[in-house]
PDB file of N, CA and C in Angstrom:
ATOM      1  N   MET A   1      72.748 -91.255  58.250  1.00  0.00           N
ATOM      2  CA  MET A   1      72.985 -89.837  58.480  1.00  0.00           C
ATOM      3  C   MET A   1      72.063 -89.027  57.565  1.00  0.00           C
ATOM      4  N   GLU A   2      71.378 -88.070  58.141  1.00  0.00           N
ATOM      5  CA  GLU A   2      70.444 -87.231  57.371  1.00  0.00           C
ATOM      6  C   GLU A   2      71.225 -86.085  56.716  1.00  0.00           C
ATOM      7  N   TYR A   3      71.491 -86.232  55.429  1.00  0.00           N
ATOM      8  CA  TYR A   3      72.330 -85.264  54.717  1.00  0.00           C
ATOM      9  C   TYR A   3      71.773 -83.837  54.751  1.00  0.00           C
ATOM     10  N   SER A   4      70.455 -83.703  54.767  1.00  0.00           N
ATOM     11  CA  SER A   4      69.854 -82.367  54.678  1.00  0.00           C
ATOM     12  C   SER A   4      70.066 -81.535  55.948  1.00  0.00           C
ATOM     13  N   LYS A   5      70.592 -82.154  56.981  1.00  0.00           N
ATOM     14  CA  LYS A   5      70.897 -81.425  58.211  1.00  0.00           C
ATOM     15  C   LYS A   5      72.390 -81.091  58.329  1.00  0.00           C
ATOM     16  N   LEU A   6      73.178 -81.571  57.387  1.00  0.00           N
ATOM     17  CA  LEU A   6      74.622 -81.342  57.419  1.00  0.00           C
ATOM     18  C   LEU A   6      74.960 -79.923  57.001  1.00  0.00           C
ATOM     19  N   GLU A   7      75.824 -79.289  57.778  1.00  0.00           N
ATOM     20  CA  GLU A   7      76.233 -77.916  57.462  1.00  0.00           C
ATOM     21  C   GLU A   7      76.890 -77.844  56.085  1.00  0.00           C
ATOM     22  N   VAL A   8      77.686 -78.841  55.737  1.00  0.00           N
ATOM     23  CA  VAL A   8      78.370 -78.833  54.445  1.00  0.00           C
ATOM     24  C   VAL A   8      77.358 -78.848  53.291  1.00  0.00           C
ATOM     25  N   TRP A   9      76.292 -79.607  53.434  1.00  0.00           N
ATOM     26  CA  TRP A   9      75.260 -79.672  52.385  1.00  0.00           C
ATOM     27  C   TRP A   9      74.481 -78.365  52.318  1.00  0.00           C
ATOM     28  N   ILE A  10      74.170 -77.796  53.477  1.00  0.00           N
ATOM     29  CA  ILE A  10      73.439 -76.521  53.540  1.00  0.00           C
ATOM     30  C   ILE A  10      74.258 -75.401  52.896  1.00  0.00           C
ATOM     31  N   GLU A  11      75.546 -75.349  53.204  1.00  0.00           N
ATOM     32  CA  GLU A  11      76.413 -74.319  52.631  1.00  0.00           C
ATOM     33  C   GLU A  11      76.606 -74.533  51.128  1.00  0.00           C
ATOM     34  N   ALA A  12      76.631 -75.776  50.690  1.00  0.00           N
ATOM     35  CA  ALA A  12      76.741 -76.049  49.249  1.00  0.00           C
ATOM     36  C   ALA A  12      75.484 -75.581  48.516  1.00  0.00           C
ATOM     37  N   ARG A  13      74.340 -75.732  49.145  1.00  0.00           N
ATOM     38  CA  ARG A  13      73.088 -75.211  48.553  1.00  0.00           C
ATOM     39  C   ARG A  13      73.150 -73.690  48.432  1.00  0.00           C
ATOM     40  N   LYS A  14      73.680 -73.030  49.444  1.00  0.00           N
ATOM     41  CA  LYS A  14      73.831 -71.572  49.381  1.00  0.00           C
ATOM     42  C   LYS A  14      74.719 -71.184  48.207  1.00  0.00           C
ATOM     43  N   LEU A  15      75.765 -71.964  47.975  1.00  0.00           N
ATOM     44  CA  LEU A  15      76.657 -71.700  46.848  1.00  0.00           C
ATOM     45  C   LEU A  15      75.904 -71.822  45.521  1.00  0.00           C
ATOM     46  N   VAL A  16      75.076 -72.844  45.392  1.00  0.00           N
ATOM     47  CA  VAL A  16      74.272 -73.009  44.171  1.00  0.00           C
ATOM     48  C   VAL A  16      73.392 -71.787  43.953  1.00  0.00           C
ATOM     49  N   ASN A  17      72.767 -71.310  45.021  1.00  0.00           N
ATOM     50  CA  ASN A  17      71.902 -70.137  44.893  1.00  0.00           C
ATOM     51  C   ASN A  17      72.686 -68.891  44.492  1.00  0.00           C
ATOM     52  N   LEU A  18      73.890 -68.719  45.041  1.00  0.00           N
ATOM     53  CA  LEU A  18      74.747 -67.594  44.634  1.00  0.00           C
ATOM     54  C   LEU A  18      75.075 -67.693  43.144  1.00  0.00           C
ATOM     55  N   LEU A  19      75.377 -68.906  42.698  1.00  0.00           N
ATOM     56  CA  LEU A  19      75.712 -69.107  41.287  1.00  0.00           C
ATOM     57  C   LEU A  19      74.534 -68.745  40.393  1.00  0.00           C
ATOM     58  N   TYR A  20      73.350 -69.212  40.737  1.00  0.00           N
ATOM     59  CA  TYR A  20      72.181 -68.908  39.910  1.00  0.00           C
ATOM     60  C   TYR A  20      71.916 -67.404  39.868  1.00  0.00           C
ATOM     61  N   ASP A  21      72.063 -66.741  41.003  1.00  0.00           N
ATOM     62  CA  ASP A  21      71.851 -65.292  41.030  1.00  0.00           C
ATOM     63  C   ASP A  21      72.879 -64.568  40.164  1.00  0.00           C
ATOM     64  N   SER A  22      74.143 -64.918  40.309  1.00  0.00           N
ATOM     65  CA  SER A  22      75.182 -64.199  39.556  1.00  0.00           C
ATOM     66  C   SER A  22      75.185 -64.565  38.081  1.00  0.00           C
ATOM     67  N   SER A  23      74.843 -65.785  37.738  1.00  0.00           N
ATOM     68  CA  SER A  23      74.896 -66.178  36.326  1.00  0.00           C
ATOM     69  C   SER A  23      73.735 -65.608  35.507  1.00  0.00           C
ATOM     70  N   LYS A  24      72.723 -65.092  36.167  1.00  0.00           N
ATOM     71  CA  LYS A  24      71.623 -64.445  35.440  1.00  0.00           C
ATOM     72  C   LYS A  24      72.109 -63.215  34.685  1.00  0.00           C
ATOM     73  N   LEU A  25      73.233 -62.675  35.110  1.00  0.00           N
ATOM     74  CA  LEU A  25      73.791 -61.474  34.485  1.00  0.00           C
ATOM     75  C   LEU A  25      74.753 -61.788  33.331  1.00  0.00           C
ATOM     76  N   PHE A  26      75.051 -63.063  33.122  1.00  0.00           N
ATOM     77  CA  PHE A  26      75.969 -63.446  32.051  1.00  0.00           C
ATOM     78  C   PHE A  26      75.327 -63.146  30.694  1.00  0.00           C
ATOM     79  N   PRO A  27      76.140 -62.914  29.682  1.00  0.00           N
ATOM     80  CA  PRO A  27      75.590 -62.665  28.343  1.00  0.00           C
ATOM     81  C   PRO A  27      74.766 -63.858  27.853  1.00  0.00           C
ATOM     82  N   LYS A  28      73.765 -63.570  27.077  1.00  0.00           N
ATOM     83  CA  LYS A  28      72.876 -64.617  26.562  1.00  0.00           C
ATOM     84  C   LYS A  28      73.632 -65.642  25.707  1.00  0.00           C
ATOM     85  N   GLU A  29      74.696 -65.210  25.023  1.00  0.00           N
ATOM     86  CA  GLU A  29      75.445 -66.163  24.197  1.00  0.00           C
ATOM     87  C   GLU A  29      76.197 -67.201  25.038  1.00  0.00           C
ATOM     88  N   GLU A  30      76.286 -66.975  26.349  1.00  0.00           N
ATOM     89  CA  GLU A  30      76.930 -67.938  27.241  1.00  0.00           C
ATOM     90  C   GLU A  30      75.937 -68.935  27.838  1.00  0.00           C
ATOM     91  N   LEU A  31      74.657 -68.800  27.519  1.00  0.00           N
ATOM     92  CA  LEU A  31      73.639 -69.660  28.126  1.00  0.00           C
ATOM     93  C   LEU A  31      73.966 -71.142  27.975  1.00  0.00           C
ATOM     94  N   PHE A  32      74.453 -71.541  26.805  1.00  0.00           N
ATOM     95  CA  PHE A  32      74.777 -72.945  26.571  1.00  0.00           C
ATOM     96  C   PHE A  32      76.276 -73.203  26.672  1.00  0.00           C
ATOM     97  N   GLY A  33      77.014 -72.212  27.153  1.00  0.00           N
ATOM     98  CA  GLY A  33      78.448 -72.341  27.339  1.00  0.00           C
ATOM     99  C   GLY A  33      78.785 -72.324  28.821  1.00  0.00           C
ATOM    100  N   LEU A  34      79.447 -71.273  29.222  1.00  0.00           N
ATOM    101  CA  LEU A  34      79.922 -71.165  30.605  1.00  0.00           C
ATOM    102  C   LEU A  34      78.775 -71.187  31.614  1.00  0.00           C
ATOM    103  N   THR A  35      77.682 -70.539  31.307  1.00  0.00           N
ATOM    104  CA  THR A  35      76.543 -70.510  32.245  1.00  0.00           C
ATOM    105  C   THR A  35      76.048 -71.921  32.527  1.00  0.00           C
ATOM    106  N   ASN A  36      75.802 -72.680  31.486  1.00  0.00           N
ATOM    107  CA  ASN A  36      75.321 -74.043  31.634  1.00  0.00           C
ATOM    108  C   ASN A  36      76.324 -74.914  32.392  1.00  0.00           C
ATOM    109  N   GLN A  37      77.593 -74.795  32.033  1.00  0.00           N
ATOM    110  CA  GLN A  37      78.634 -75.601  32.684  1.00  0.00           C
ATOM    111  C   GLN A  37      78.730 -75.271  34.170  1.00  0.00           C
ATOM    112  N   MET A  38      78.682 -73.989  34.511  1.00  0.00           N
ATOM    113  CA  MET A  38      78.776 -73.592  35.915  1.00  0.00           C
ATOM    114  C   MET A  38      77.569 -74.070  36.713  1.00  0.00           C
ATOM    115  N   ARG A  39      76.407 -73.987  36.114  1.00  0.00           N
ATOM    116  CA  ARG A  39      75.194 -74.441  36.812  1.00  0.00           C
ATOM    117  C   ARG A  39      75.236 -75.941  37.050  1.00  0.00           C
ATOM    118  N   ARG A  40      75.680 -76.684  36.052  1.00  0.00           N
ATOM    119  CA  ARG A  40      75.742 -78.140  36.194  1.00  0.00           C
ATOM    120  C   ARG A  40      76.743 -78.540  37.281  1.00  0.00           C
ATOM    121  N   VAL A  41      77.902 -77.910  37.275  1.00  0.00           N
ATOM    122  CA  VAL A  41      78.918 -78.282  38.262  1.00  0.00           C
ATOM    123  C   VAL A  41      78.491 -77.850  39.669  1.00  0.00           C
ATOM    124  N   ALA A  42      77.844 -76.697  39.785  1.00  0.00           N
ATOM    125  CA  ALA A  42      77.383 -76.234  41.102  1.00  0.00           C
ATOM    126  C   ALA A  42      76.335 -77.182  41.676  1.00  0.00           C
ATOM    127  N   ILE A  43      75.407 -77.606  40.843  1.00  0.00           N
ATOM    128  CA  ILE A  43      74.365 -78.528  41.289  1.00  0.00           C
ATOM    129  C   ILE A  43      74.965 -79.859  41.733  1.00  0.00           C
ATOM    130  N   SER A  44      76.048 -80.258  41.096  1.00  0.00           N
ATOM    131  CA  SER A  44      76.659 -81.548  41.442  1.00  0.00           C
ATOM    132  C   SER A  44      77.290 -81.549  42.828  1.00  0.00           C
ATOM    133  N   ILE A  45      77.607 -80.385  43.366  1.00  0.00           N
ATOM    134  CA  ILE A  45      78.287 -80.337  44.669  1.00  0.00           C
ATOM    135  C   ILE A  45      77.381 -80.859  45.787  1.00  0.00           C
ATOM    136  N   PRO A  46      76.231 -80.243  46.060  1.00  0.00           N
ATOM    137  CA  PRO A  46      75.377 -80.811  47.111  1.00  0.00           C
ATOM    138  C   PRO A  46      74.783 -82.171  46.708  1.00  0.00           C
ATOM    139  N   SER A  47      74.599 -82.387  45.419  1.00  0.00           N
ATOM    140  CA  SER A  47      74.043 -83.668  44.955  1.00  0.00           C
ATOM    141  C   SER A  47      74.969 -84.830  45.297  1.00  0.00           C
ATOM    142  N   ASN A  48      76.267 -84.660  45.082  1.00  0.00           N
ATOM    143  CA  ASN A  48      77.222 -85.723  45.398  1.00  0.00           C
ATOM    144  C   ASN A  48      77.407 -85.903  46.903  1.00  0.00           C
ATOM    145  N   ILE A  49      77.264 -84.832  47.668  1.00  0.00           N
ATOM    146  CA  ILE A  49      77.286 -84.980  49.129  1.00  0.00           C
ATOM    147  C   ILE A  49      76.105 -85.857  49.555  1.00  0.00           C
ATOM    148  N   ALA A  50      74.928 -85.554  49.023  1.00  0.00           N
ATOM    149  CA  ALA A  50      73.734 -86.335  49.356  1.00  0.00           C
ATOM    150  C   ALA A  50      73.891 -87.778  48.913  1.00  0.00           C
ATOM    151  N   GLU A  51      74.377 -87.988  47.697  1.00  0.00           N
ATOM    152  CA  GLU A  51      74.530 -89.355  47.214  1.00  0.00           C
ATOM    153  C   GLU A  51      75.538 -90.127  48.062  1.00  0.00           C
ATOM    154  N   GLY A  52      76.617 -89.461  48.433  1.00  0.00           N
ATOM    155  CA  GLY A  52      77.613 -90.116  49.287  1.00  0.00           C
ATOM    156  C   GLY A  52      77.032 -90.545  50.621  1.00  0.00           C
ATOM    157  N   CYS A  53      76.173 -89.719  51.185  1.00  0.00           N
ATOM    158  CA  CYS A  53      75.548 -90.050  52.463  1.00  0.00           C
ATOM    159  C   CYS A  53      74.600 -91.238  52.347  1.00  0.00           C
ATOM    160  N   GLY A  54      74.115 -91.488  51.154  1.00  0.00           N
ATOM    161  CA  GLY A  54      73.216 -92.606  50.934  1.00  0.00           C
ATOM    162  C   GLY A  54      73.936 -93.923  50.672  1.00  0.00           C
ATOM    163  N   ARG A  55      75.234 -93.881  50.604  1.00  0.00           N
ATOM    164  CA  ARG A  55      76.007 -95.095  50.322  1.00  0.00           C
ATOM    165  C   ARG A  55      76.202 -95.927  51.588  1.00  0.00           C
ATOM    166  N   GLN A  56      76.514 -97.203  51.392  1.00  0.00           N
ATOM    167  CA  GLN A  56      76.572 -98.144  52.508  1.00  0.00           C
ATOM    168  C   GLN A  56      77.907 -98.160  53.239  1.00  0.00           C
ATOM    169  N   THR A  57      78.975 -97.833  52.521  1.00  0.00           N
ATOM    170  CA  THR A  57      80.294 -97.921  53.166  1.00  0.00           C
ATOM    171  C   THR A  57      80.966 -96.553  53.198  1.00  0.00           C
ATOM    172  N   SER A  58      81.888 -96.415  54.143  1.00  0.00           N
ATOM    173  CA  SER A  58      82.659 -95.166  54.234  1.00  0.00           C
ATOM    174  C   SER A  58      83.470 -94.937  52.969  1.00  0.00           C
ATOM    175  N   LYS A  59      83.996 -96.012  52.397  1.00  0.00           N
ATOM    176  CA  LYS A  59      84.783 -95.887  51.165  1.00  0.00           C
ATOM    177  C   LYS A  59      83.937 -95.299  50.042  1.00  0.00           C
ATOM    178  N   ASP A  60      82.715 -95.791  49.888  1.00  0.00           N
ATOM    179  CA  ASP A  60      81.817 -95.257  48.858  1.00  0.00           C
ATOM    180  C   ASP A  60      81.458 -93.804  49.143  1.00  0.00           C
ATOM    181  N   THR A  61      81.190 -93.500  50.405  1.00  0.00           N
ATOM    182  CA  THR A  61      80.848 -92.126  50.779  1.00  0.00           C
ATOM    183  C   THR A  61      81.988 -91.177  50.434  1.00  0.00           C
ATOM    184  N   ILE A  62      83.205 -91.557  50.806  1.00  0.00           N
ATOM    185  CA  ILE A  62      84.386 -90.722  50.542  1.00  0.00           C
ATOM    186  C   ILE A  62      84.553 -90.498  49.043  1.00  0.00           C
ATOM    187  N   HIS A  63      84.288 -91.518  48.246  1.00  0.00           N
ATOM    188  CA  HIS A  63      84.393 -91.386  46.781  1.00  0.00           C
ATOM    189  C   HIS A  63      83.508 -90.235  46.272  1.00  0.00           C
ATOM    190  N   PHE A  64      82.263 -90.196  46.722  1.00  0.00           N
ATOM    191  CA  PHE A  64      81.350 -89.135  46.275  1.00  0.00           C
ATOM    192  C   PHE A  64      81.713 -87.778  46.871  1.00  0.00           C
ATOM    193  N   LEU A  65      82.256 -87.780  48.073  1.00  0.00           N
ATOM    194  CA  LEU A  65      82.708 -86.509  48.661  1.00  0.00           C
ATOM    195  C   LEU A  65      83.898 -85.956  47.882  1.00  0.00           C
ATOM    196  N   HIS A  66      84.761 -86.839  47.401  1.00  0.00           N
ATOM    197  CA  HIS A  66      85.885 -86.387  46.580  1.00  0.00           C
ATOM    198  C   HIS A  66      85.396 -85.808  45.245  1.00  0.00           C
ATOM    199  N   ILE A  67      84.389 -86.422  44.671  1.00  0.00           N
ATOM    200  CA  ILE A  67      83.806 -85.875  43.434  1.00  0.00           C
ATOM    201  C   ILE A  67      83.267 -84.473  43.706  1.00  0.00           C
ATOM    202  N   SER A  68      82.573 -84.310  44.815  1.00  0.00           N
ATOM    203  CA  SER A  68      82.031 -83.004  45.185  1.00  0.00           C
ATOM    204  C   SER A  68      83.155 -81.981  45.357  1.00  0.00           C
ATOM    205  N   ARG A  69      84.239 -82.396  46.000  1.00  0.00           N
ATOM    206  CA  ARG A  69      85.373 -81.498  46.192  1.00  0.00           C
ATOM    207  C   ARG A  69      85.991 -81.097  44.860  1.00  0.00           C
ATOM    208  N   GLY A  70      86.120 -82.036  43.952  1.00  0.00           N
ATOM    209  CA  GLY A  70      86.642 -81.717  42.620  1.00  0.00           C
ATOM    210  C   GLY A  70      85.761 -80.711  41.906  1.00  0.00           C
ATOM    211  N   SER A  71      84.460 -80.856  42.072  1.00  0.00           N
ATOM    212  CA  SER A  71      83.521 -79.910  41.463  1.00  0.00           C
ATOM    213  C   SER A  71      83.671 -78.512  42.054  1.00  0.00           C
ATOM    214  N   LEU A  72      83.982 -78.425  43.335  1.00  0.00           N
ATOM    215  CA  LEU A  72      84.232 -77.117  43.945  1.00  0.00           C
ATOM    216  C   LEU A  72      85.413 -76.413  43.282  1.00  0.00           C
ATOM    217  N   TYR A  73      86.470 -77.169  43.031  1.00  0.00           N
ATOM    218  CA  TYR A  73      87.644 -76.588  42.371  1.00  0.00           C
ATOM    219  C   TYR A  73      87.330 -76.188  40.932  1.00  0.00           C
ATOM    220  N   GLU A  74      86.542 -77.009  40.270  1.00  0.00           N
ATOM    221  CA  GLU A  74      86.134 -76.682  38.901  1.00  0.00           C
ATOM    222  C   GLU A  74      85.310 -75.393  38.880  1.00  0.00           C
ATOM    223  N   LEU A  75      84.361 -75.276  39.800  1.00  0.00           N
ATOM    224  CA  LEU A  75      83.532 -74.075  39.854  1.00  0.00           C
ATOM    225  C   LEU A  75      84.370 -72.839  40.189  1.00  0.00           C
ATOM    226  N   GLU A  76      85.319 -72.998  41.083  1.00  0.00           N
ATOM    227  CA  GLU A  76      86.191 -71.874  41.434  1.00  0.00           C
ATOM    228  C   GLU A  76      86.935 -71.373  40.193  1.00  0.00           C
ATOM    229  N   THR A  77      87.470 -72.287  39.401  1.00  0.00           N
ATOM    230  CA  THR A  77      88.167 -71.916  38.168  1.00  0.00           C
ATOM    231  C   THR A  77      87.235 -71.194  37.207  1.00  0.00           C
ATOM    232  N   GLN A  78      86.017 -71.686  37.094  1.00  0.00           N
ATOM    233  CA  GLN A  78      85.052 -71.065  36.186  1.00  0.00           C
ATOM    234  C   GLN A  78      84.670 -69.667  36.655  1.00  0.00           C
ATOM    235  N   TYR A  79      84.648 -69.450  37.954  1.00  0.00           N
ATOM    236  CA  TYR A  79      84.388 -68.095  38.450  1.00  0.00           C
ATOM    237  C   TYR A  79      85.542 -67.157  38.113  1.00  0.00           C
ATOM    238  N   TYR A  80      86.764 -67.650  38.184  1.00  0.00           N
ATOM    239  CA  TYR A  80      87.902 -66.827  37.756  1.00  0.00           C
ATOM    240  C   TYR A  80      87.755 -66.445  36.278  1.00  0.00           C
ATOM    241  N   LEU A  81      87.315 -67.404  35.464  1.00  0.00           N
ATOM    242  CA  LEU A  81      87.119 -67.127  34.035  1.00  0.00           C
ATOM    243  C   LEU A  81      85.996 -66.115  33.821  1.00  0.00           C
ATOM    244  N   ALA A  82      84.924 -66.240  34.595  1.00  0.00           N
ATOM    245  CA  ALA A  82      83.817 -65.275  34.483  1.00  0.00           C
ATOM    246  C   ALA A  82      84.288 -63.872  34.869  1.00  0.00           C
ATOM    247  N   LEU A  83      85.144 -63.795  35.872  1.00  0.00           N
ATOM    248  CA  LEU A  83      85.715 -62.501  36.259  1.00  0.00           C
ATOM    249  C   LEU A  83      86.612 -61.961  35.143  1.00  0.00           C
ATOM    250  N   ASP A  84      87.449 -62.830  34.593  1.00  0.00           N
ATOM    251  CA  ASP A  84      88.335 -62.422  33.490  1.00  0.00           C
ATOM    252  C   ASP A  84      87.545 -61.856  32.314  1.00  0.00           C
ATOM    253  N   GLN A  85      86.384 -62.451  32.037  1.00  0.00           N
ATOM    254  CA  GLN A  85      85.550 -62.004  30.923  1.00  0.00           C
ATOM    255  C   GLN A  85      84.645 -60.834  31.293  1.00  0.00           C
ATOM    256  N   LYS A  86      84.742 -60.419  32.564  1.00  0.00           N
ATOM    257  CA  LYS A  86      83.947 -59.295  33.091  1.00  0.00           C
ATOM    258  C   LYS A  86      82.442 -59.602  33.096  1.00  0.00           C
ATOM    259  N   TYR A  87      82.107 -60.886  33.259  1.00  0.00           N
ATOM    260  CA  TYR A  87      80.707 -61.278  33.404  1.00  0.00           C
ATOM    261  C   TYR A  87      80.208 -60.994  34.815  1.00  0.00           C
ATOM    262  N   ILE A  88      81.156 -60.932  35.757  1.00  0.00           N
ATOM    263  CA  ILE A  88      80.836 -60.589  37.146  1.00  0.00           C
ATOM    264  C   ILE A  88      81.826 -59.526  37.601  1.00  0.00           C
ATOM    265  N   ASP A  89      81.423 -58.770  38.625  1.00  0.00           N
ATOM    266  CA  ASP A  89      82.336 -57.769  39.168  1.00  0.00           C
ATOM    267  C   ASP A  89      83.135 -58.366  40.320  1.00  0.00           C
ATOM    268  N   GLU A  90      84.119 -57.624  40.763  1.00  0.00           N
ATOM    269  CA  GLU A  90      85.031 -58.075  41.825  1.00  0.00           C
ATOM    270  C   GLU A  90      84.280 -58.368  43.126  1.00  0.00           C
ATOM    271  N   SER A  91      83.295 -57.577  43.427  1.00  0.00           N
ATOM    272  CA  SER A  91      82.519 -57.766  44.654  1.00  0.00           C
ATOM    273  C   SER A  91      81.770 -59.102  44.641  1.00  0.00           C
ATOM    274  N   THR A  92      81.091 -59.394  43.549  1.00  0.00           N
ATOM    275  CA  THR A  92      80.380 -60.661  43.414  1.00  0.00           C
ATOM    276  C   THR A  92      81.356 -61.825  43.478  1.00  0.00           C
ATOM    277  N   PHE A  93      82.481 -61.673  42.780  1.00  0.00           N
ATOM    278  CA  PHE A  93      83.507 -62.715  42.783  1.00  0.00           C
ATOM    279  C   PHE A  93      83.969 -63.017  44.211  1.00  0.00           C
ATOM    280  N   ASN A  94      84.237 -61.979  44.980  1.00  0.00           N
ATOM    281  CA  ASN A  94      84.733 -62.174  46.348  1.00  0.00           C
ATOM    282  C   ASN A  94      83.697 -62.844  47.253  1.00  0.00           C
ATOM    283  N   ILE A  95      82.439 -62.505  47.071  1.00  0.00           N
ATOM    284  CA  ILE A  95      81.366 -63.138  47.857  1.00  0.00           C
ATOM    285  C   ILE A  95      81.301 -64.634  47.531  1.00  0.00           C
ATOM    286  N   VAL A  96      81.312 -64.948  46.244  1.00  0.00           N
ATOM    287  CA  VAL A  96      81.228 -66.348  45.823  1.00  0.00           C
ATOM    288  C   VAL A  96      82.479 -67.108  46.243  1.00  0.00           C
ATOM    289  N   LEU A  97      83.642 -66.498  46.078  1.00  0.00           N
ATOM    290  CA  LEU A  97      84.887 -67.160  46.444  1.00  0.00           C
ATOM    291  C   LEU A  97      84.913 -67.487  47.940  1.00  0.00           C
ATOM    292  N   ALA A  98      84.404 -66.585  48.758  1.00  0.00           N
ATOM    293  CA  ALA A  98      84.333 -66.840  50.196  1.00  0.00           C
ATOM    294  C   ALA A  98      83.427 -68.037  50.491  1.00  0.00           C
ATOM    295  N   GLN A  99      82.314 -68.145  49.765  1.00  0.00           N
ATOM    296  CA  GLN A  99      81.410 -69.287  49.963  1.00  0.00           C
ATOM    297  C   GLN A  99      82.054 -70.588  49.491  1.00  0.00           C
ATOM    298  N   ILE A 100      82.805 -70.522  48.413  1.00  0.00           N
ATOM    299  CA  ILE A 100      83.522 -71.698  47.925  1.00  0.00           C
ATOM    300  C   ILE A 100      84.531 -72.149  48.980  1.00  0.00           C
ATOM    301  N   GLN A 101      85.255 -71.197  49.569  1.00  0.00           N
ATOM    302  CA  GLN A 101      86.245 -71.539  50.604  1.00  0.00           C
ATOM    303  C   GLN A 101      85.573 -72.170  51.817  1.00  0.00           C
ATOM    304  N   THR A 102      84.423 -71.645  52.200  1.00  0.00           N
ATOM    305  CA  THR A 102      83.665 -72.229  53.309  1.00  0.00           C
ATOM    306  C   THR A 102      83.299 -73.673  52.996  1.00  0.00           C
ATOM    307  N   CYS A 103      82.810 -73.902  51.795  1.00  0.00           N
ATOM    308  CA  CYS A 103      82.426 -75.258  51.382  1.00  0.00           C
ATOM    309  C   CYS A 103      83.641 -76.192  51.355  1.00  0.00           C
ATOM    310  N   LYS A 104      84.771 -75.696  50.870  1.00  0.00           N
ATOM    311  CA  LYS A 104      85.982 -76.520  50.829  1.00  0.00           C
ATOM    312  C   LYS A 104      86.388 -76.966  52.231  1.00  0.00           C
ATOM    313  N   LYS A 105      86.395 -76.035  53.172  1.00  0.00           N
ATOM    314  CA  LYS A 105      86.788 -76.362  54.547  1.00  0.00           C
ATOM    315  C   LYS A 105      85.843 -77.373  55.172  1.00  0.00           C
ATOM    316  N   LEU A 106      84.558 -77.152  55.011  1.00  0.00           N
ATOM    317  CA  LEU A 106      83.576 -78.082  55.572  1.00  0.00           C
ATOM    318  C   LEU A 106      83.675 -79.453  54.914  1.00  0.00           C
ATOM    319  N   LEU A 107      83.845 -79.474  53.606  1.00  0.00           N
ATOM    320  CA  LEU A 107      83.920 -80.739  52.894  1.00  0.00           C
ATOM    321  C   LEU A 107      85.188 -81.506  53.262  1.00  0.00           C
ATOM    322  N   ASN A 108      86.306 -80.805  53.374  1.00  0.00           N
ATOM    323  CA  ASN A 108      87.544 -81.467  53.787  1.00  0.00           C
ATOM    324  C   ASN A 108      87.407 -82.054  55.190  1.00  0.00           C
ATOM    325  N   GLY A 109      86.751 -81.335  56.082  1.00  0.00           N
ATOM    326  CA  GLY A 109      86.514 -81.847  57.429  1.00  0.00           C
ATOM    327  C   GLY A 109      85.626 -83.088  57.405  1.00  0.00           C
ATOM    328  N   PHE A 110      84.616 -83.076  56.545  1.00  0.00           N
ATOM    329  CA  PHE A 110      83.697 -84.211  56.433  1.00  0.00           C
ATOM    330  C   PHE A 110      84.420 -85.427  55.855  1.00  0.00           C
ATOM    331  N   ILE A 111      85.283 -85.202  54.874  1.00  0.00           N
ATOM    332  CA  ILE A 111      86.085 -86.289  54.307  1.00  0.00           C
ATOM    333  C   ILE A 111      86.988 -86.876  55.377  1.00  0.00           C
ATOM    334  N   ASN A 112      87.652 -86.024  56.138  1.00  0.00           N
ATOM    335  CA  ASN A 112      88.546 -86.512  57.205  1.00  0.00           C
ATOM    336  C   ASN A 112      87.768 -87.297  58.254  1.00  0.00           C
ATOM    337  N   TYR A 113      86.562 -86.880  58.571  1.00  0.00           N
ATOM    338  CA  TYR A 113      85.716 -87.608  59.508  1.00  0.00           C
ATOM    339  C   TYR A 113      85.459 -89.028  58.996  1.00  0.00           C
ATOM    340  N   TYR A 114      85.108 -89.138  57.735  1.00  0.00           N
ATOM    341  CA  TYR A 114      84.818 -90.456  57.173  1.00  0.00           C
ATOM    342  C   TYR A 114      86.090 -91.313  57.041  1.00  0.00           C
ATOM    343  N   LYS A 115      87.221 -90.685  56.787  1.00  0.00           N
ATOM    344  CA  LYS A 115      88.485 -91.449  56.699  1.00  0.00           C
ATOM    345  C   LYS A 115      88.798 -92.105  58.049  1.00  0.00           C
ATOM    346  N   LYS A 116      88.454 -91.440  59.126  1.00  0.00           N
ATOM    347  CA  LYS A 116      88.709 -92.006  60.458  1.00  0.00           C
ATOM    348  C   LYS A 116      87.812 -93.206  60.748  1.00  0.00           C
ATOM    349  N   LEU A 117      86.697 -93.317  60.049  1.00  0.00           N
ATOM    350  CA  LEU A 117      85.788 -94.444  60.239  1.00  0.00           C
ATOM    351  C   LEU A 117      86.253 -95.707  59.525  1.00  0.00           C
ATOM    352  N   MET A 118      87.215 -95.542  58.627  1.00  0.00           N
ATOM    353  CA  MET A 118      87.670 -96.695  57.838  1.00  0.00           C
ATOM    354  C   MET A 118      88.667 -97.536  58.615  1.00  0.00           C
TER     355      MET A 118
END
């Protein structure tokens, strides 16, 4: 399966780009704190989807998809914290949250697809 054509992977890339755009506004003292953590977790989402697609068994693929899903929840929490600290405004938060929800739905559907193959 060519991961780069998957809607879930494409939407996860869009999420990474939203994160990079919004985190540019974070305070400089957060560069090695919340900013770095959010960037790392966001990058792991499409990366784990791609890695899962490269695995030989459905069980292995599902494992990496679950890691990606966990990272989505982690990133969502970090966005709530960024909002709490007023690093982002409500409008930016809502745009990103909507993209996170899109990714969650697509990823859950992809996981269910692979579970049926087992």
